[in-house]
Structures are given as C-alpha cells and as structure tokens.
Amino acid sequence: MDVRIIEPELTYTLRHIVLRPNQSIEDSKYATDREEGTFHVGAFIHGKLISVASFIIDSNADFPNEKQYRLRQMATLEEFRNLGAGRAIVNFAENIIKERGFDFIWCKGRTTVKKYYEKLGFESYGDVFDYPPIGPHIIMYKKLL
C-alpha cells in the first residue's frame, strides 16, 4: 500500500461516493481544502486510490489548551475496507501533524464508525448530535504523544 500527500481534487470522488452519495459532488468540496496548513492524504493499491482523508488546522473550543488539527472527510471504498488503509492514512498524518508542532487531533465522526476511531486511539467527547443532512455524529479526539 502506498500512502502519500495528494491534491484536494483527488479526494472529491471518494468523498462523494462514500460519504455523500445522495448529494452533489459539489457538496464534497470545501473552502478549507486549500487553506494554509491543510493537507490531504491518500492510500493507493496498485495505483488505485482507495482511501482519503483531509487534515486542517481547526480549533474546537472544547479543547482550548491544545494545538489542534481536525480530521475531515475520511473515506475508504467499501471493497477495500479492513485492509488497514484508514489506519495507514491516520498514522501518516499524525507524524506530519507532530512534525508541525501540533499535539491534538479531533473529528466529528459518524456514530456508525465510533468503534473504528476508538481502535485508532481516539476517545469520544460529549453527546451525540445531528449533523444535517448526514445524521448522528460524535466528537472524537486523540492526544498525540
């Protein structure tokens, strides 16, 4: 598996297919995709992009004493799940985040993948909330050592 930084445009198709199939592809594009400090990571098998995630500098007020990155739009094609692509992306990104002097990562994860994030060392914070039009989410966080 090849894991590397990619351009944001390469994330849009997987974001759309996996996370927002009932919305337009335009809904999978974000203004933060090209902000200073933002980076995108992709996992490839035999040259095929199978998993993506984006990492942006974004502070959650619930964690005021942390230098924070936010994980957004993590998506893996269904037929390539359980091969370690997501874990490889998060590990790759955590090293970059630590090199940049940040020590904390958080996300708004769908409740359906809470256990997955827990396996990656994330903890849940607060109550489940609705994230229209996607559904129930929970904040997940991880202190980077």
Protein backbone atom coordinates (compact mmCIF):
# COMPACT_ATOMS: atom_id res chain seq x y z
CA MET A 1 0.00 0.00 0.00
CA ASP A 2 1.29 3.44 -0.96
CA VAL A 3 0.29 6.32 1.33
CA ARG A 4 1.13 9.89 0.37
CA ILE A 5 0.01 13.51 0.32
CA ILE A 6 -2.37 14.22 -2.55
CA GLU A 7 -4.06 17.23 -4.11
CA PRO A 8 -7.54 18.03 -2.77
CA GLU A 9 -9.16 17.37 -6.15
CA LEU A 10 -8.22 13.70 -5.82
CA THR A 11 -10.36 13.43 -2.68
CA TYR A 12 -13.62 14.63 -4.20
CA THR A 13 -14.76 11.43 -5.92
CA LEU A 14 -14.24 9.21 -2.87
CA ARG A 15 -15.80 11.79 -0.56
CA HIS A 16 -18.82 11.88 -2.84
CA ILE A 17 -19.16 8.10 -3.38
CA VAL A 18 -18.58 7.06 0.24
CA LEU A 19 -19.77 9.97 2.39
CA ARG A 20 -22.28 11.97 0.36
CA PRO A 21 -23.77 9.71 -2.32
CA ASN A 22 -27.16 11.42 -2.13
CA GLN A 23 -25.73 14.88 -2.60
CA SER A 24 -23.96 16.56 -5.50
CA ILE A 25 -20.20 16.23 -5.88
CA GLU A 26 -20.03 19.98 -5.19
CA ASP A 27 -21.09 19.18 -1.61
CA SER A 28 -17.84 17.22 -1.25
CA LYS A 29 -15.68 20.28 -1.90
CA TYR A 30 -14.74 22.59 0.96
CA ALA A 31 -13.31 26.09 1.19
CA THR A 32 -10.79 24.72 3.71
CA ASP A 33 -9.32 22.32 1.12
CA ARG A 34 -6.65 24.85 0.14
CA GLU A 35 -6.21 26.78 3.38
CA GLU A 36 -2.75 27.28 4.84
CA GLY A 37 -1.71 24.17 6.76
CA THR A 38 -4.34 21.89 5.23
CA PHE A 39 -3.14 18.64 3.72
CA HIS A 40 -4.80 15.60 2.17
CA VAL A 41 -3.63 12.02 2.33
CA GLY A 42 -4.47 9.14 0.03
CA ALA A 43 -3.85 5.40 0.15
CA PHE A 44 -3.27 3.56 -3.11
CA ILE A 45 -3.21 -0.12 -4.00
CA HIS A 46 -1.69 -0.95 -7.39
CA GLY A 47 -2.05 2.72 -8.34
CA LYS A 48 -5.76 2.89 -7.45
CA LEU A 49 -6.83 5.49 -4.90
CA ILE A 50 -8.84 3.56 -2.30
CA SER A 51 -8.92 5.82 0.77
CA VAL A 52 -8.62 9.54 1.54
CA ALA A 53 -8.69 11.93 4.46
CA SER A 54 -8.15 15.65 4.93
CA PHE A 55 -6.44 17.40 7.83
CA ILE A 56 -6.99 21.08 8.59
CA ILE A 57 -5.89 23.44 11.32
CA ASP A 58 -9.17 23.99 13.14
CA SER A 59 -9.70 24.62 16.82
CA ASN A 60 -12.53 23.07 18.77
CA ALA A 61 -13.44 25.38 21.66
CA ASP A 62 -13.97 22.36 23.91
CA PHE A 63 -10.19 21.83 23.88
CA PRO A 64 -8.79 25.37 24.36
CA ASN A 65 -5.31 24.36 25.55
CA GLU A 66 -4.42 22.18 22.57
CA LYS A 67 -2.71 22.95 19.25
CA GLN A 68 -5.25 21.24 17.04
CA TYR A 69 -5.71 19.62 13.68
CA ARG A 70 -9.08 18.38 12.54
CA LEU A 71 -9.57 15.18 10.56
CA ARG A 72 -12.29 15.59 7.93
CA GLN A 73 -13.81 13.58 5.15
CA MET A 74 -12.18 10.22 5.77
CA ALA A 75 -13.46 7.78 3.15
CA THR A 76 -12.47 4.28 2.04
CA LEU A 77 -14.06 2.43 -0.85
CA GLU A 78 -16.21 -0.34 0.58
CA GLU A 79 -14.46 -3.15 -1.28
CA PHE A 80 -11.10 -2.09 0.22
CA ARG A 81 -12.15 -1.79 3.85
CA ASN A 82 -10.41 -3.81 6.57
CA LEU A 83 -7.07 -3.71 4.75
CA GLY A 84 -5.57 -1.04 7.02
CA ALA A 85 -5.78 1.90 4.60
CA GLY A 86 -7.51 4.22 7.07
CA ARG A 87 -5.07 3.34 9.84
CA ALA A 88 -2.15 3.91 7.47
CA ILE A 89 -3.51 7.33 6.49
CA VAL A 90 -4.07 8.41 10.10
CA ASN A 91 -0.60 7.20 11.18
CA PHE A 92 0.99 9.00 8.22
CA ALA A 93 -0.90 12.21 9.03
CA GLU A 94 -0.16 12.05 12.76
CA ASN A 95 3.57 12.10 12.00
CA ILE A 96 3.14 15.22 9.85
CA ILE A 97 0.98 16.89 12.48
CA LYS A 98 3.57 16.23 15.21
CA GLU A 99 6.39 17.48 12.95
CA ARG A 100 4.41 20.71 12.54
CA GLY A 101 4.32 21.16 16.31
CA PHE A 102 0.70 20.15 16.90
CA ASP A 103 -0.30 17.67 19.59
CA PHE A 104 -4.01 17.07 19.19
CA ILE A 105 -6.36 15.77 16.52
CA TRP A 106 -10.15 15.71 16.56
CA CYS A 107 -13.06 15.00 14.27
CA LYS A 108 -16.82 14.89 14.06
CA GLY A 109 -17.30 11.19 13.41
CA ARG A 110 -20.45 9.43 12.37
CA THR A 111 -21.70 7.32 15.24
CA THR A 112 -21.57 4.29 12.94
CA VAL A 113 -17.74 4.50 12.90
CA LYS A 114 -17.15 5.39 16.55
CA LYS A 115 -15.63 1.97 17.31
CA TYR A 116 -13.31 2.34 14.32
CA TYR A 117 -11.92 5.62 15.65
CA GLU A 118 -11.56 4.07 19.09
CA LYS A 119 -9.36 1.36 17.54
CA LEU A 120 -7.16 4.20 16.23
CA GLY A 121 -6.78 5.58 19.75
CA PHE A 122 -9.47 8.26 19.65
CA GLU A 123 -11.83 8.93 22.55
CA SER A 124 -15.36 10.26 22.35
CA TYR A 125 -16.30 13.62 23.83
CA GLY A 126 -19.72 14.99 24.64
CA ASP A 127 -23.11 13.88 23.43
CA VAL A 128 -24.26 12.59 20.07
CA PHE A 129 -25.55 15.39 17.85
CA ASP A 130 -27.28 15.63 14.50
CA TYR A 131 -25.23 16.84 11.54
CA PRO A 132 -27.82 17.59 8.84
CA PRO A 133 -28.27 16.13 6.29
CA ILE A 134 -25.85 13.32 7.20
CA GLY A 135 -27.12 12.16 10.60
CA PRO A 136 -25.84 11.43 14.11
CA HIS A 137 -22.22 12.31 14.93
CA ILE A 138 -19.97 12.47 17.95
CA ILE A 139 -16.76 14.38 18.56
CA MET A 140 -13.73 12.11 18.74
CA TYR A 141 -10.25 13.25 19.80
CA LYS A 142 -6.72 11.99 20.28
CA LYS A 143 -3.80 13.49 22.15
CA LEU A 144 -0.63 12.90 20.13
CA LEU A 145 2.38 11.90 22.20
